[in-house]
Amino acid sequence: MDRTQWYLEYENLINRPGLLGEISSLLGMLSINIIMINGVENSRRAMLILSKYDENIIRLKYILETMDAIKVHKLRKPKLRDKITVRHGKFIHHDNEDRKTIRFVRNELGLLVDFMAELFKVEGHKLIGIRGMPRVGKTESVVAASVSANKRWLFVSSTMIKQTVRKSLIEGEYDSDNIYIIDGIVSKRKMNEEEHWQLIREIMQLPTVKVIEHPDIFVQSTEYNMEDFDYIIELRTHEDQEITYETVENEGLQQDGFSMF
């Protein structure tokens, strides 16, 4: 019988010496192995565990809930964000109103790159939007995630190094392993160039990952809408920064140099 991964997250209510050892011993007695463990914010610990029998996970949950020193918050089969949480020791935060919108700040670029890289590794169609002000690190994060996922990235429209507006792809560029990057502002300004938009429509039909910078601008003049996106990523310099599209549109095409992380 194959062993199954589980994600355990608990809060230390009484952070006394030996508590982690007691929990580790309990896991050992239930023949549950610890794959990875890390401390996270708000006095919490998160771990990936491995069990051959689901019944032992149920027993573990009952026993942990009787312990006064901890409070179990999650015990489930791990989601992508759970694995990233354990790896980095930081939670990935969702928007309170839209669960598919995920928020990062600039000092979490490593977390963002790792998260996107895991998304890129999953085969098949995926449409990802990324919002943020100019020079916050959006495009560089997408490229770094592509490298981490061992994928080839292609700029369909961009201002990363110089203004790029593709009208066609060459042989080999139509590949399900490619990451296609589209700048919604650049493409919107080329609405009269039918060849460019025909290429975008072809790419949107491919069973691969497409990343749209400034998705709100992209959908304004297209047949696509925000419901078509699987994930919306927001990247800010700090948590309270407002993403204002008037500023983004005015500055977005003025970047002709490589903006650093």
C-alpha atoms as a PDB file:
ATOM      1  CA  MET A   1       0.000   0.000   0.000  1.00  0.00           C
ATOM      2  CA  ASP A   2       1.403   3.416  -0.966  1.00  0.00           C
ATOM      3  CA  ARG A   3       2.069   5.975   1.741  1.00  0.00           C
ATOM      4  CA  THR A   4       0.135   9.254   1.596  1.00  0.00           C
ATOM      5  CA  GLN A   5       1.331  12.761   2.350  1.00  0.00           C
ATOM      6  CA  TRP A   6      -0.544  14.924   4.861  1.00  0.00           C
ATOM      7  CA  TYR A   7      -0.174  18.515   6.005  1.00  0.00           C
ATOM      8  CA  LEU A   8      -0.286  19.256   9.732  1.00  0.00           C
ATOM      9  CA  GLU A   9      -0.417  22.798  11.072  1.00  0.00           C
ATOM     10  CA  TYR A  10      -0.751  23.576  14.751  1.00  0.00           C
ATOM     11  CA  GLU A  11      -0.312  26.531  17.101  1.00  0.00           C
ATOM     12  CA  ASN A  12       1.792  26.408  20.262  1.00  0.00           C
ATOM     13  CA  LEU A  13      -0.481  27.624  23.060  1.00  0.00           C
ATOM     14  CA  ILE A  14       2.082  26.742  25.705  1.00  0.00           C
ATOM     15  CA  ASN A  15       5.561  26.802  24.201  1.00  0.00           C
ATOM     16  CA  ARG A  16       7.261  24.572  26.741  1.00  0.00           C
ATOM     17  CA  PRO A  17      10.508  22.614  26.247  1.00  0.00           C
ATOM     18  CA  GLY A  18      10.095  19.126  24.867  1.00  0.00           C
ATOM     19  CA  LEU A  19       6.725  19.741  23.226  1.00  0.00           C
ATOM     20  CA  LEU A  20       7.975  19.108  19.697  1.00  0.00           C
ATOM     21  CA  GLY A  21       9.723  15.965  20.918  1.00  0.00           C
ATOM     22  CA  GLU A  22       6.485  14.655  22.381  1.00  0.00           C
ATOM     23  CA  ILE A  23       4.632  15.243  19.103  1.00  0.00           C
ATOM     24  CA  SER A  24       7.452  13.603  17.149  1.00  0.00           C
ATOM     25  CA  SER A  25       7.341  10.581  19.465  1.00  0.00           C
ATOM     26  CA  LEU A  26       3.570  10.351  18.991  1.00  0.00           C
ATOM     27  CA  LEU A  27       4.026  10.362  15.219  1.00  0.00           C
ATOM     28  CA  GLY A  28       6.637   7.650  15.515  1.00  0.00           C
ATOM     29  CA  MET A  29       4.353   5.432  17.609  1.00  0.00           C
ATOM     30  CA  LEU A  30       1.696   5.784  14.903  1.00  0.00           C
ATOM     31  CA  SER A  31       4.255   4.872  12.196  1.00  0.00           C
ATOM     32  CA  ILE A  32       3.945   8.364  10.688  1.00  0.00           C
ATOM     33  CA  ASN A  33       7.107   9.858   9.226  1.00  0.00           C
ATOM     34  CA  ILE A  34       8.012  13.550   9.172  1.00  0.00           C
ATOM     35  CA  ILE A  35       9.117  14.686   5.711  1.00  0.00           C
ATOM     36  CA  MET A  36       9.646  18.372   6.491  1.00  0.00           C
ATOM     37  CA  ILE A  37       8.941  20.708   9.393  1.00  0.00           C
ATOM     38  CA  ASN A  38       9.182  24.473   9.833  1.00  0.00           C
ATOM     39  CA  GLY A  39       8.081  27.219  12.166  1.00  0.00           C
ATOM     40  CA  VAL A  40       5.710  29.788  10.684  1.00  0.00           C
ATOM     41  CA  GLU A  41       4.194  33.057  11.881  1.00  0.00           C
ATOM     42  CA  ASN A  42       1.996  33.435  14.972  1.00  0.00           C
ATOM     43  CA  SER A  43       3.720  30.671  16.978  1.00  0.00           C
ATOM     44  CA  ARG A  44       2.636  28.002  14.524  1.00  0.00           C
ATOM     45  CA  ARG A  45       4.437  24.947  13.221  1.00  0.00           C
ATOM     46  CA  ALA A  46       3.750  23.287   9.896  1.00  0.00           C
ATOM     47  CA  MET A  47       4.896  19.896   8.742  1.00  0.00           C
ATOM     48  CA  LEU A  48       4.521  17.449   5.909  1.00  0.00           C
ATOM     49  CA  ILE A  49       4.017  13.927   7.194  1.00  0.00           C
ATOM     50  CA  LEU A  50       3.766  10.538   5.529  1.00  0.00           C
ATOM     51  CA  SER A  51       1.447   7.712   6.598  1.00  0.00           C
ATOM     52  CA  LYS A  52       0.657   4.307   5.169  1.00  0.00           C
ATOM     53  CA  TYR A  53      -2.712   4.100   6.903  1.00  0.00           C
ATOM     54  CA  ASP A  54      -5.350   6.861   6.901  1.00  0.00           C
ATOM     55  CA  GLU A  55      -6.717   5.425  10.146  1.00  0.00           C
ATOM     56  CA  ASN A  56      -3.513   6.491  11.900  1.00  0.00           C
ATOM     57  CA  ILE A  57      -4.081  10.078  10.750  1.00  0.00           C
ATOM     58  CA  ILE A  58      -7.563   9.981  12.292  1.00  0.00           C
ATOM     59  CA  ARG A  59      -6.070   8.658  15.546  1.00  0.00           C
ATOM     60  CA  LEU A  60      -3.426  11.376  15.443  1.00  0.00           C
ATOM     61  CA  LYS A  61      -6.081  14.079  15.076  1.00  0.00           C
ATOM     62  CA  TYR A  62      -8.065  12.783  18.072  1.00  0.00           C
ATOM     63  CA  ILE A  63      -4.972  12.610  20.278  1.00  0.00           C
ATOM     64  CA  LEU A  64      -3.665  16.055  19.296  1.00  0.00           C
ATOM     65  CA  GLU A  65      -7.061  17.605  20.045  1.00  0.00           C
ATOM     66  CA  THR A  66      -6.773  16.391  23.657  1.00  0.00           C
ATOM     67  CA  MET A  67      -3.473  18.222  24.203  1.00  0.00           C
ATOM     68  CA  ASP A  68      -3.815  21.542  26.075  1.00  0.00           C
ATOM     69  CA  ALA A  69      -0.466  22.874  24.855  1.00  0.00           C
ATOM     70  CA  ILE A  70      -1.379  23.052  21.162  1.00  0.00           C
ATOM     71  CA  LYS A  71      -4.301  23.828  18.872  1.00  0.00           C
ATOM     72  CA  VAL A  72      -4.586  21.968  15.565  1.00  0.00           C
ATOM     73  CA  HIS A  73      -5.529  24.304  12.705  1.00  0.00           C
ATOM     74  CA  LYS A  74      -5.169  22.013   9.689  1.00  0.00           C
ATOM     75  CA  LEU A  75      -4.698  18.310   9.078  1.00  0.00           C
ATOM     76  CA  ARG A  76      -5.350  17.502   5.434  1.00  0.00           C
ATOM     77  CA  LYS A  77      -3.803  16.216   2.255  1.00  0.00           C
ATOM     78  CA  PRO A  78      -1.402  18.986   1.219  1.00  0.00           C
ATOM     79  CA  LYS A  79      -2.291  21.674  -1.266  1.00  0.00           C
ATOM     80  CA  LEU A  80       0.363  23.479  -3.246  1.00  0.00           C
ATOM     81  CA  ARG A  81       0.401  26.448  -0.867  1.00  0.00           C
ATOM     82  CA  ASP A  82       0.793  24.057   2.102  1.00  0.00           C
ATOM     83  CA  LYS A  83       4.000  22.635   0.653  1.00  0.00           C
ATOM     84  CA  ILE A  84       5.342  26.133  -0.025  1.00  0.00           C
ATOM     85  CA  THR A  85       4.447  27.180   3.541  1.00  0.00           C
ATOM     86  CA  VAL A  86       6.500  24.348   5.023  1.00  0.00           C
ATOM     87  CA  ARG A  87       9.382  24.961   2.632  1.00  0.00           C
ATOM     88  CA  HIS A  88       9.670  28.686   3.350  1.00  0.00           C
ATOM     89  CA  GLY A  89       8.167  29.021   6.811  1.00  0.00           C
ATOM     90  CA  LYS A  90       5.722  31.666   5.539  1.00  0.00           C
ATOM     91  CA  PHE A  91       2.032  31.583   4.737  1.00  0.00           C
ATOM     92  CA  ILE A  92       0.741  32.437   1.262  1.00  0.00           C
ATOM     93  CA  HIS A  93      -2.042  34.967   1.765  1.00  0.00           C
ATOM     94  CA  HIS A  94      -5.275  35.030  -0.233  1.00  0.00           C
ATOM     95  CA  ASP A  95      -7.429  38.058  -0.845  1.00  0.00           C
ATOM     96  CA  ASN A  96     -10.283  38.085   1.661  1.00  0.00           C
ATOM     97  CA  GLU A  97     -12.933  38.576  -1.028  1.00  0.00           C
ATOM     98  CA  ASP A  98     -11.492  36.533  -3.914  1.00  0.00           C
ATOM     99  CA  ARG A  99      -9.803  33.275  -2.937  1.00  0.00           C
ATOM    100  CA  LYS A 100      -8.036  32.862  -6.283  1.00  0.00           C
ATOM    101  CA  THR A 101      -6.233  36.187  -5.770  1.00  0.00           C
ATOM    102  CA  ILE A 102      -2.937  35.661  -3.944  1.00  0.00           C
ATOM    103  CA  ARG A 103      -0.980  38.561  -2.466  1.00  0.00           C
ATOM    104  CA  PHE A 104       2.789  38.961  -2.138  1.00  0.00           C
ATOM    105  CA  VAL A 105       5.077  41.826  -1.184  1.00  0.00           C
ATOM    106  CA  ARG A 106       8.503  42.560  -2.627  1.00  0.00           C
ATOM    107  CA  ASN A 107      10.484  40.978   0.209  1.00  0.00           C
ATOM    108  CA  GLU A 108       8.665  37.693  -0.531  1.00  0.00           C
ATOM    109  CA  LEU A 109       9.995  37.346  -4.084  1.00  0.00           C
ATOM    110  CA  GLY A 110      11.612  34.022  -3.258  1.00  0.00           C
ATOM    111  CA  LEU A 111       8.280  32.706  -2.012  1.00  0.00           C
ATOM    112  CA  LEU A 112       6.513  34.047  -5.113  1.00  0.00           C
ATOM    113  CA  VAL A 113       9.042  32.519  -7.525  1.00  0.00           C
ATOM    114  CA  ASP A 114       8.813  29.131  -5.809  1.00  0.00           C
ATOM    115  CA  PHE A 115       4.999  29.240  -5.866  1.00  0.00           C
ATOM    116  CA  MET A 116       4.828  30.123  -9.562  1.00  0.00           C
ATOM    117  CA  ALA A 117       7.472  27.527 -10.435  1.00  0.00           C
ATOM    118  CA  GLU A 118       5.302  24.813  -8.885  1.00  0.00           C
ATOM    119  CA  LEU A 119       2.320  26.086 -10.891  1.00  0.00           C
ATOM    120  CA  PHE A 120       4.399  26.037 -14.068  1.00  0.00           C
ATOM    121  CA  LYS A 121       5.409  22.408 -13.508  1.00  0.00           C
ATOM    122  CA  VAL A 122       1.787  21.225 -13.724  1.00  0.00           C
ATOM    123  CA  GLU A 123       0.962  20.178 -17.284  1.00  0.00           C
ATOM    124  CA  GLY A 124      -1.996  21.591 -19.190  1.00  0.00           C
ATOM    125  CA  HIS A 125      -3.748  24.908 -19.641  1.00  0.00           C
ATOM    126  CA  LYS A 126      -3.333  27.497 -16.926  1.00  0.00           C
ATOM    127  CA  LEU A 127      -4.064  31.221 -17.169  1.00  0.00           C
ATOM    128  CA  ILE A 128      -2.309  33.350 -14.561  1.00  0.00           C
ATOM    129  CA  GLY A 129      -2.710  37.097 -14.139  1.00  0.00           C
ATOM    130  CA  ILE A 130      -0.167  39.231 -12.281  1.00  0.00           C
ATOM    131  CA  ARG A 131      -0.875  42.748 -11.024  1.00  0.00           C
ATOM    132  CA  GLY A 132       1.593  45.303  -9.710  1.00  0.00           C
ATOM    133  CA  MET A 133       3.111  48.722 -10.162  1.00  0.00           C
ATOM    134  CA  PRO A 134       6.075  49.310 -12.518  1.00  0.00           C
ATOM    135  CA  ARG A 135       9.497  48.078 -11.364  1.00  0.00           C
ATOM    136  CA  VAL A 136       8.126  45.936  -8.542  1.00  0.00           C
ATOM    137  CA  GLY A 137       9.543  42.718 -10.072  1.00  0.00           C
ATOM    138  CA  LYS A 138       6.592  41.129 -11.914  1.00  0.00           C
ATOM    139  CA  THR A 139       8.295  40.093 -15.160  1.00  0.00           C
ATOM    140  CA  GLU A 140      11.566  39.123 -13.481  1.00  0.00           C
ATOM    141  CA  SER A 141       9.643  36.852 -11.086  1.00  0.00           C
ATOM    142  CA  VAL A 142       7.884  35.114 -13.985  1.00  0.00           C
ATOM    143  CA  VAL A 143      11.199  34.563 -15.779  1.00  0.00           C
ATOM    144  CA  ALA A 144      12.888  33.286 -12.601  1.00  0.00           C
ATOM    145  CA  ALA A 145       9.979  30.900 -11.974  1.00  0.00           C
ATOM    146  CA  SER A 146      10.255  29.615 -15.561  1.00  0.00           C
ATOM    147  CA  VAL A 147      13.953  28.895 -15.037  1.00  0.00           C
ATOM    148  CA  SER A 148      13.224  27.165 -11.723  1.00  0.00           C
ATOM    149  CA  ALA A 149      10.554  25.018 -13.384  1.00  0.00           C
ATOM    150  CA  ASN A 150      12.953  24.216 -16.274  1.00  0.00           C
ATOM    151  CA  LYS A 151      10.564  25.828 -18.765  1.00  0.00           C
ATOM    152  CA  ARG A 152      11.270  28.080 -21.721  1.00  0.00           C
ATOM    153  CA  TRP A 153       9.691  31.533 -21.519  1.00  0.00           C
ATOM    154  CA  LEU A 154       8.545  33.546 -24.541  1.00  0.00           C
ATOM    155  CA  PHE A 155       7.585  37.216 -24.559  1.00  0.00           C
ATOM    156  CA  VAL A 156       4.540  37.753 -26.757  1.00  0.00           C
ATOM    157  CA  SER A 157       4.376  41.387 -25.600  1.00  0.00           C
ATOM    158  CA  SER A 158       6.653  42.980 -23.031  1.00  0.00           C
ATOM    159  CA  THR A 159       8.762  45.973 -22.018  1.00  0.00           C
ATOM    160  CA  MET A 160      11.317  44.042 -19.972  1.00  0.00           C
ATOM    161  CA  ILE A 161      14.388  44.823 -22.071  1.00  0.00           C
ATOM    162  CA  LYS A 162      12.831  46.656 -24.984  1.00  0.00           C
ATOM    163  CA  GLN A 163       9.299  46.855 -26.276  1.00  0.00           C
ATOM    164  CA  THR A 164       8.340  43.481 -27.699  1.00  0.00           C
ATOM    165  CA  VAL A 165       5.246  42.869 -29.812  1.00  0.00           C
ATOM    166  CA  ARG A 166       5.240  39.478 -31.514  1.00  0.00           C
ATOM    167  CA  LYS A 167       3.129  38.858 -34.617  1.00  0.00           C
ATOM    168  CA  SER A 168       4.129  35.256 -35.180  1.00  0.00           C
ATOM    169  CA  LEU A 169       6.055  32.377 -33.664  1.00  0.00           C
ATOM    170  CA  ILE A 170       8.738  30.340 -35.376  1.00  0.00           C
ATOM    171  CA  GLU A 171       8.943  26.571 -35.526  1.00  0.00           C
ATOM    172  CA  GLY A 172       9.486  25.112 -32.068  1.00  0.00           C
ATOM    173  CA  GLU A 173       7.894  28.015 -30.232  1.00  0.00           C
ATOM    174  CA  TYR A 174       4.489  26.307 -30.254  1.00  0.00           C
ATOM    175  CA  ASP A 175       5.248  23.947 -27.384  1.00  0.00           C
ATOM    176  CA  SER A 176       3.252  22.841 -24.357  1.00  0.00           C
ATOM    177  CA  ASP A 177       6.380  23.258 -22.206  1.00  0.00           C
ATOM    178  CA  ASN A 178       6.697  26.962 -23.004  1.00  0.00           C
ATOM    179  CA  ILE A 179       5.565  29.778 -20.710  1.00  0.00           C
ATOM    180  CA  TYR A 180       3.941  32.555 -22.764  1.00  0.00           C
ATOM    181  CA  ILE A 181       4.168  36.035 -21.236  1.00  0.00           C
ATOM    182  CA  ILE A 182       1.782  38.780 -22.383  1.00  0.00           C
ATOM    183  CA  ASP A 183       1.794  42.393 -21.168  1.00  0.00           C
ATOM    184  CA  GLY A 184      -1.837  43.544 -21.156  1.00  0.00           C
ATOM    185  CA  ILE A 185      -0.918  47.217 -21.515  1.00  0.00           C
ATOM    186  CA  VAL A 186       1.423  46.718 -24.472  1.00  0.00           C
ATOM    187  CA  SER A 187      -1.046  44.469 -26.273  1.00  0.00           C
ATOM    188  CA  LYS A 188      -3.963  46.821 -25.652  1.00  0.00           C
ATOM    189  CA  ARG A 189      -2.026  49.652 -27.308  1.00  0.00           C
ATOM    190  CA  LYS A 190      -1.626  47.405 -30.369  1.00  0.00           C
ATOM    191  CA  MET A 191      -5.328  46.677 -30.783  1.00  0.00           C
ATOM    192  CA  ASN A 192      -5.155  47.784 -34.428  1.00  0.00           C
ATOM    193  CA  GLU A 193      -2.481  45.185 -35.219  1.00  0.00           C
ATOM    194  CA  GLU A 194      -4.607  42.176 -36.145  1.00  0.00           C
ATOM    195  CA  GLU A 195      -1.628  39.838 -36.604  1.00  0.00           C
ATOM    196  CA  HIS A 196      -0.523  40.385 -33.005  1.00  0.00           C
ATOM    197  CA  TRP A 197      -3.986  39.676 -31.639  1.00  0.00           C
ATOM    198  CA  GLN A 198      -4.447  36.669 -33.882  1.00  0.00           C
ATOM    199  CA  LEU A 199      -1.256  35.270 -32.369  1.00  0.00           C
ATOM    200  CA  ILE A 200      -2.572  35.919 -28.841  1.00  0.00           C
ATOM    201  CA  ARG A 201      -5.805  34.066 -29.670  1.00  0.00           C
ATOM    202  CA  GLU A 202      -3.799  31.110 -30.988  1.00  0.00           C
ATOM    203  CA  ILE A 203      -1.658  31.041 -27.846  1.00  0.00           C
ATOM    204  CA  MET A 204      -4.689  31.247 -25.587  1.00  0.00           C
ATOM    205  CA  GLN A 205      -5.949  28.007 -27.134  1.00  0.00           C
ATOM    206  CA  LEU A 206      -2.730  26.105 -26.407  1.00  0.00           C
ATOM    207  CA  PRO A 207      -2.764  23.608 -23.500  1.00  0.00           C
ATOM    208  CA  THR A 208       0.026  25.381 -21.651  1.00  0.00           C
ATOM    209  CA  VAL A 209       0.731  28.176 -19.166  1.00  0.00           C
ATOM    210  CA  LYS A 210      -0.028  31.774 -20.119  1.00  0.00           C
ATOM    211  CA  VAL A 211       0.941  34.645 -17.826  1.00  0.00           C
ATOM    212  CA  ILE A 212      -0.831  37.967 -18.364  1.00  0.00           C
ATOM    213  CA  GLU A 213       0.683  41.052 -16.777  1.00  0.00           C
ATOM    214  CA  HIS A 214      -1.975  43.687 -15.975  1.00  0.00           C
ATOM    215  CA  PRO A 215      -4.915  41.295 -16.517  1.00  0.00           C
ATOM    216  CA  ASP A 216      -7.506  43.997 -15.780  1.00  0.00           C
ATOM    217  CA  ILE A 217      -6.247  46.024 -18.748  1.00  0.00           C
ATOM    218  CA  PHE A 218      -6.030  42.904 -20.920  1.00  0.00           C
ATOM    219  CA  VAL A 219      -9.701  41.979 -20.491  1.00  0.00           C
ATOM    220  CA  GLN A 220     -10.992  45.504 -21.209  1.00  0.00           C
ATOM    221  CA  SER A 221     -10.689  45.125 -24.970  1.00  0.00           C
ATOM    222  CA  THR A 222     -10.894  41.371 -25.439  1.00  0.00           C
ATOM    223  CA  GLU A 223     -13.428  38.579 -25.323  1.00  0.00           C
ATOM    224  CA  TYR A 224     -11.762  37.245 -22.160  1.00  0.00           C
ATOM    225  CA  ASN A 225     -12.859  38.103 -18.611  1.00  0.00           C
ATOM    226  CA  MET A 226     -11.462  37.754 -15.104  1.00  0.00           C
ATOM    227  CA  GLU A 227     -13.357  34.501 -14.569  1.00  0.00           C
ATOM    228  CA  ASP A 228     -11.112  32.883 -17.198  1.00  0.00           C
ATOM    229  CA  PHE A 229      -8.077  33.234 -14.914  1.00  0.00           C
ATOM    230  CA  ASP A 230      -7.052  30.351 -12.699  1.00  0.00           C
ATOM    231  CA  TYR A 231      -4.919  32.551 -10.432  1.00  0.00           C
ATOM    232  CA  ILE A 232      -4.475  36.290  -9.941  1.00  0.00           C
ATOM    233  CA  ILE A 233      -1.176  37.236  -8.304  1.00  0.00           C
ATOM    234  CA  GLU A 234      -0.724  40.681  -6.762  1.00  0.00           C
ATOM    235  CA  LEU A 235       2.797  41.941  -6.085  1.00  0.00           C
ATOM    236  CA  ARG A 236       3.339  45.089  -4.011  1.00  0.00           C
ATOM    237  CA  THR A 237       6.339  46.960  -2.658  1.00  0.00           C
ATOM    238  CA  HIS A 238       4.615  46.915   0.746  1.00  0.00           C
ATOM    239  CA  GLU A 239       1.301  45.561   2.011  1.00  0.00           C
ATOM    240  CA  ASP A 240      -0.543  48.887   1.900  1.00  0.00           C
ATOM    241  CA  GLN A 241       0.517  49.891  -1.620  1.00  0.00           C
ATOM    242  CA  GLU A 242      -2.388  50.632  -3.936  1.00  0.00           C
ATOM    243  CA  ILE A 243      -2.196  49.295  -7.496  1.00  0.00           C
ATOM    244  CA  THR A 244      -3.405  52.195  -9.648  1.00  0.00           C
ATOM    245  CA  TYR A 245      -3.766  51.468 -13.326  1.00  0.00           C
ATOM    246  CA  GLU A 246      -3.563  55.097 -14.423  1.00  0.00           C
ATOM    247  CA  THR A 247       0.014  55.207 -13.158  1.00  0.00           C
ATOM    248  CA  VAL A 248       0.783  51.760 -14.555  1.00  0.00           C
ATOM    249  CA  GLU A 249      -0.438  52.687 -18.051  1.00  0.00           C
ATOM    250  CA  ASN A 250       1.513  55.946 -18.043  1.00  0.00           C
ATOM    251  CA  GLU A 251       4.762  54.357 -16.899  1.00  0.00           C
ATOM    252  CA  GLY A 252       4.466  50.839 -18.285  1.00  0.00           C
ATOM    253  CA  LEU A 253       5.902  51.598 -21.701  1.00  0.00           C
ATOM    254  CA  GLN A 254       8.697  53.857 -20.451  1.00  0.00           C
ATOM    255  CA  GLN A 255      10.803  50.974 -19.144  1.00  0.00           C
ATOM    256  CA  ASP A 256      13.434  50.134 -21.702  1.00  0.00           C
ATOM    257  CA  GLY A 257      15.982  48.725 -19.291  1.00  0.00           C
ATOM    258  CA  PHE A 258      16.191  45.584 -17.188  1.00  0.00           C
ATOM    259  CA  SER A 259      14.500  46.420 -13.894  1.00  0.00           C
ATOM    260  CA  MET A 260      16.229  44.544 -11.126  1.00  0.00           C
ATOM    261  CA  PHE A 261      14.662  42.612  -8.228  1.00  0.00           C
END
